[in-house]
Amino acid sequence: MSAFVFDFVIGKTCVKATDDRLEFNDGSSLSFYHNQDCCEYVEVYDVCGDLGDLIGCPLLVAEEVESDTPEEYNPAHEPESMTWTFYKFATIAGSVTIRWLGTSNGYYSERVDWDYCENGKLKRSNNSWKMRKNV
């Protein structure tokens, strides 16, 4: 299990929250996506909690955690490779966990990408190619 803390958004206040994007009152945003290659599937599996709880209060928790397969997941067929990515956010009003599931034959990336922008300009990303292009 690995974890990453989005320390650059802790303390920011959300004005809009969806399962793949948070927008903050200072004009910044944090977006989640996957660039499809060929034979992999990466998508939001579910949202636990109320996204409305993230609106209007400063974020206290903002982290990404990759994990093993949850016990309750029982697919019709077992893919060769699977990655679960959990995005955990919390304010004083409540918490939300957005679960992404990536599956493939083991050759293609199952990773969720994210971009942090300030006033429309890319500032941080876990996509190193995108960051090099931006410099």
C-alpha atoms as a PDB file:
ATOM      1  CA  MET A   1       0.000   0.000   0.000  1.00  0.00           C
ATOM      2  CA  SER A   2       1.384   3.407  -0.944  1.00  0.00           C
ATOM      3  CA  ALA A   3       0.126   6.860   0.002  1.00  0.00           C
ATOM      4  CA  PHE A   4       0.578  10.399  -1.290  1.00  0.00           C
ATOM      5  CA  VAL A   5      -0.630  13.516   0.546  1.00  0.00           C
ATOM      6  CA  PHE A   6      -1.868  16.436  -1.552  1.00  0.00           C
ATOM      7  CA  ASP A   7      -0.365  18.903   0.932  1.00  0.00           C
ATOM      8  CA  PHE A   8      -0.726  21.736  -1.588  1.00  0.00           C
ATOM      9  CA  VAL A   9      -4.544  21.637  -1.283  1.00  0.00           C
ATOM     10  CA  ILE A  10      -4.826  21.101   2.487  1.00  0.00           C
ATOM     11  CA  GLY A  11      -6.532  24.203   3.912  1.00  0.00           C
ATOM     12  CA  LYS A  12      -8.095  25.202   0.573  1.00  0.00           C
ATOM     13  CA  THR A  13     -11.876  25.587   0.348  1.00  0.00           C
ATOM     14  CA  CYS A  14     -13.805  23.730  -2.373  1.00  0.00           C
ATOM     15  CA  VAL A  15     -16.448  25.581  -4.330  1.00  0.00           C
ATOM     16  CA  LYS A  16     -17.250  22.634  -6.637  1.00  0.00           C
ATOM     17  CA  ALA A  17     -16.640  18.894  -6.231  1.00  0.00           C
ATOM     18  CA  THR A  18     -17.277  16.035  -8.662  1.00  0.00           C
ATOM     19  CA  ASP A  19     -15.879  12.506  -8.714  1.00  0.00           C
ATOM     20  CA  ASP A  20     -13.032  13.624 -10.998  1.00  0.00           C
ATOM     21  CA  ARG A  21     -12.406  17.289 -10.137  1.00  0.00           C
ATOM     22  CA  LEU A  22     -12.181  19.662  -7.178  1.00  0.00           C
ATOM     23  CA  GLU A  23     -12.340  23.423  -7.741  1.00  0.00           C
ATOM     24  CA  PHE A  24     -11.195  25.829  -5.036  1.00  0.00           C
ATOM     25  CA  ASN A  25     -12.140  29.400  -4.131  1.00  0.00           C
ATOM     26  CA  ASP A  26      -8.673  30.710  -5.090  1.00  0.00           C
ATOM     27  CA  GLY A  27      -9.074  29.619  -8.751  1.00  0.00           C
ATOM     28  CA  SER A  28      -7.025  26.426  -8.399  1.00  0.00           C
ATOM     29  CA  SER A  29      -8.247  22.927  -9.248  1.00  0.00           C
ATOM     30  CA  LEU A  30      -7.278  19.291  -8.849  1.00  0.00           C
ATOM     31  CA  SER A  31      -8.379  16.977 -11.686  1.00  0.00           C
ATOM     32  CA  PHE A  32      -8.244  13.184 -11.977  1.00  0.00           C
ATOM     33  CA  TYR A  33      -8.260  11.206 -15.235  1.00  0.00           C
ATOM     34  CA  HIS A  34      -6.697   8.335 -17.159  1.00  0.00           C
ATOM     35  CA  ASN A  35      -5.299   8.588 -20.679  1.00  0.00           C
ATOM     36  CA  GLN A  36      -6.589   5.456 -22.387  1.00  0.00           C
ATOM     37  CA  ASP A  37      -3.905   3.482 -24.209  1.00  0.00           C
ATOM     38  CA  CYS A  38      -5.352   0.244 -25.534  1.00  0.00           C
ATOM     39  CA  CYS A  39      -6.367  -2.696 -23.434  1.00  0.00           C
ATOM     40  CA  GLU A  40      -6.863  -1.264 -19.966  1.00  0.00           C
ATOM     41  CA  TYR A  41      -9.849   0.151 -18.149  1.00  0.00           C
ATOM     42  CA  VAL A  42      -9.467   2.815 -15.465  1.00  0.00           C
ATOM     43  CA  GLU A  43     -12.553   4.506 -14.083  1.00  0.00           C
ATOM     44  CA  VAL A  44     -14.316   5.676 -10.950  1.00  0.00           C
ATOM     45  CA  TYR A  45     -15.728   2.561  -9.304  1.00  0.00           C
ATOM     46  CA  ASP A  46     -17.732   4.372  -6.636  1.00  0.00           C
ATOM     47  CA  VAL A  47     -17.935   7.346  -4.293  1.00  0.00           C
ATOM     48  CA  CYS A  48     -18.327   6.758  -0.554  1.00  0.00           C
ATOM     49  CA  GLY A  49     -19.694   9.838   1.190  1.00  0.00           C
ATOM     50  CA  ASP A  50     -21.372  13.043   0.088  1.00  0.00           C
ATOM     51  CA  LEU A  51     -19.326  15.272  -2.246  1.00  0.00           C
ATOM     52  CA  GLY A  52     -21.373  18.190  -0.873  1.00  0.00           C
ATOM     53  CA  ASP A  53     -19.530  17.793   2.440  1.00  0.00           C
ATOM     54  CA  LEU A  54     -16.389  19.083   0.700  1.00  0.00           C
ATOM     55  CA  ILE A  55     -18.006  22.402  -0.310  1.00  0.00           C
ATOM     56  CA  GLY A  56     -17.492  25.553   1.729  1.00  0.00           C
ATOM     57  CA  CYS A  57     -15.086  24.183   4.363  1.00  0.00           C
ATOM     58  CA  PRO A  58     -11.276  23.957   4.282  1.00  0.00           C
ATOM     59  CA  LEU A  59      -9.865  20.546   3.387  1.00  0.00           C
ATOM     60  CA  LEU A  60      -8.332  18.771   6.362  1.00  0.00           C
ATOM     61  CA  VAL A  61      -7.393  15.565   4.508  1.00  0.00           C
ATOM     62  CA  ALA A  62      -6.434  15.105   0.857  1.00  0.00           C
ATOM     63  CA  GLU A  63      -4.597  11.925  -0.047  1.00  0.00           C
ATOM     64  CA  GLU A  64      -4.173   9.174  -2.609  1.00  0.00           C
ATOM     65  CA  VAL A  65      -3.779   5.572  -1.479  1.00  0.00           C
ATOM     66  CA  GLU A  66      -3.187   2.563  -3.705  1.00  0.00           C
ATOM     67  CA  SER A  67      -4.341  -0.714  -2.225  1.00  0.00           C
ATOM     68  CA  ASP A  68      -5.010  -4.366  -2.718  1.00  0.00           C
ATOM     69  CA  THR A  69      -8.399  -5.589  -3.816  1.00  0.00           C
ATOM     70  CA  PRO A  70     -11.128  -4.962  -1.222  1.00  0.00           C
ATOM     71  CA  GLU A  71     -12.780  -8.111   0.157  1.00  0.00           C
ATOM     72  CA  GLU A  72     -16.234  -7.097  -1.095  1.00  0.00           C
ATOM     73  CA  TYR A  73     -15.101  -6.905  -4.755  1.00  0.00           C
ATOM     74  CA  ASN A  74     -16.334  -9.999  -6.587  1.00  0.00           C
ATOM     75  CA  PRO A  75     -15.997  -9.631 -10.383  1.00  0.00           C
ATOM     76  CA  ALA A  76     -17.648 -11.941 -12.905  1.00  0.00           C
ATOM     77  CA  HIS A  77     -14.152 -12.650 -14.261  1.00  0.00           C
ATOM     78  CA  GLU A  78     -10.787 -11.920 -12.670  1.00  0.00           C
ATOM     79  CA  PRO A  79      -8.548  -9.604 -14.758  1.00  0.00           C
ATOM     80  CA  GLU A  80      -4.848 -10.433 -15.025  1.00  0.00           C
ATOM     81  CA  SER A  81      -3.885  -7.212 -13.270  1.00  0.00           C
ATOM     82  CA  MET A  82      -5.827  -4.823 -11.050  1.00  0.00           C
ATOM     83  CA  THR A  83      -5.031  -1.573  -9.220  1.00  0.00           C
ATOM     84  CA  TRP A  84      -7.328   0.146  -6.727  1.00  0.00           C
ATOM     85  CA  THR A  85      -6.698   3.849  -6.117  1.00  0.00           C
ATOM     86  CA  PHE A  86      -8.526   5.657  -3.325  1.00  0.00           C
ATOM     87  CA  TYR A  87      -8.770   9.452  -3.124  1.00  0.00           C
ATOM     88  CA  LYS A  88      -9.652  10.488   0.414  1.00  0.00           C
ATOM     89  CA  PHE A  89     -10.854  13.999   1.216  1.00  0.00           C
ATOM     90  CA  ALA A  90     -12.271  15.388   4.454  1.00  0.00           C
ATOM     91  CA  THR A  91     -13.506  18.644   5.909  1.00  0.00           C
ATOM     92  CA  ILE A  92     -15.092  19.371   9.269  1.00  0.00           C
ATOM     93  CA  ALA A  93     -18.452  18.628   7.558  1.00  0.00           C
ATOM     94  CA  GLY A  94     -17.591  15.060   6.509  1.00  0.00           C
ATOM     95  CA  SER A  95     -15.375  12.826   4.413  1.00  0.00           C
ATOM     96  CA  VAL A  96     -15.441  11.356   0.917  1.00  0.00           C
ATOM     97  CA  THR A  97     -13.527   8.464  -0.607  1.00  0.00           C
ATOM     98  CA  ILE A  98     -13.485   8.184  -4.394  1.00  0.00           C
ATOM     99  CA  ARG A  99     -12.499   4.658  -5.466  1.00  0.00           C
ATOM    100  CA  TRP A 100     -10.947   4.140  -8.895  1.00  0.00           C
ATOM    101  CA  LEU A 101     -10.415   0.693 -10.380  1.00  0.00           C
ATOM    102  CA  GLY A 102      -7.839  -0.029 -13.073  1.00  0.00           C
ATOM    103  CA  THR A 103      -7.695  -3.398 -14.811  1.00  0.00           C
ATOM    104  CA  SER A 104      -5.556  -4.724 -17.642  1.00  0.00           C
ATOM    105  CA  ASN A 105      -3.661  -7.698 -18.969  1.00  0.00           C
ATOM    106  CA  GLY A 106      -0.682  -6.534 -16.918  1.00  0.00           C
ATOM    107  CA  TYR A 107       1.061  -4.720 -19.768  1.00  0.00           C
ATOM    108  CA  TYR A 108      -0.856  -1.410 -19.728  1.00  0.00           C
ATOM    109  CA  SER A 109      -0.945   1.265 -17.043  1.00  0.00           C
ATOM    110  CA  GLU A 110      -3.803   1.119 -14.551  1.00  0.00           C
ATOM    111  CA  ARG A 111      -2.771   4.397 -12.976  1.00  0.00           C
ATOM    112  CA  VAL A 112      -4.990   7.394 -12.319  1.00  0.00           C
ATOM    113  CA  ASP A 113      -3.350  10.660 -13.399  1.00  0.00           C
ATOM    114  CA  TRP A 114      -3.929  13.959 -11.661  1.00  0.00           C
ATOM    115  CA  ASP A 115      -3.196  17.608 -12.474  1.00  0.00           C
ATOM    116  CA  TYR A 116      -3.125  20.554 -10.102  1.00  0.00           C
ATOM    117  CA  CYS A 117      -3.690  23.911 -11.822  1.00  0.00           C
ATOM    118  CA  GLU A 118      -3.676  27.481 -10.567  1.00  0.00           C
ATOM    119  CA  ASN A 119      -5.751  29.880 -12.656  1.00  0.00           C
ATOM    120  CA  GLY A 120      -5.693  27.436 -15.572  1.00  0.00           C
ATOM    121  CA  LYS A 121      -1.920  26.893 -15.537  1.00  0.00           C
ATOM    122  CA  LEU A 122      -0.516  23.452 -14.739  1.00  0.00           C
ATOM    123  CA  LYS A 123       1.529  23.596 -11.531  1.00  0.00           C
ATOM    124  CA  ARG A 124       1.852  19.943 -10.476  1.00  0.00           C
ATOM    125  CA  SER A 125       1.053  16.570 -11.997  1.00  0.00           C
ATOM    126  CA  ASN A 126       1.916  12.937 -11.446  1.00  0.00           C
ATOM    127  CA  ASN A 127       2.341  12.718 -15.228  1.00  0.00           C
ATOM    128  CA  SER A 128       6.057  13.457 -15.677  1.00  0.00           C
ATOM    129  CA  TRP A 129       5.777  13.834 -19.463  1.00  0.00           C
ATOM    130  CA  LYS A 130       3.134  16.524 -19.037  1.00  0.00           C
ATOM    131  CA  MET A 131       5.291  18.389 -16.491  1.00  0.00           C
ATOM    132  CA  ARG A 132       8.351  18.320 -18.790  1.00  0.00           C
ATOM    133  CA  LYS A 133       6.247  19.665 -21.655  1.00  0.00           C
ATOM    134  CA  ASN A 134       4.920  22.443 -19.402  1.00  0.00           C
ATOM    135  CA  VAL A 135       8.371  23.755 -18.385  1.00  0.00           C
END
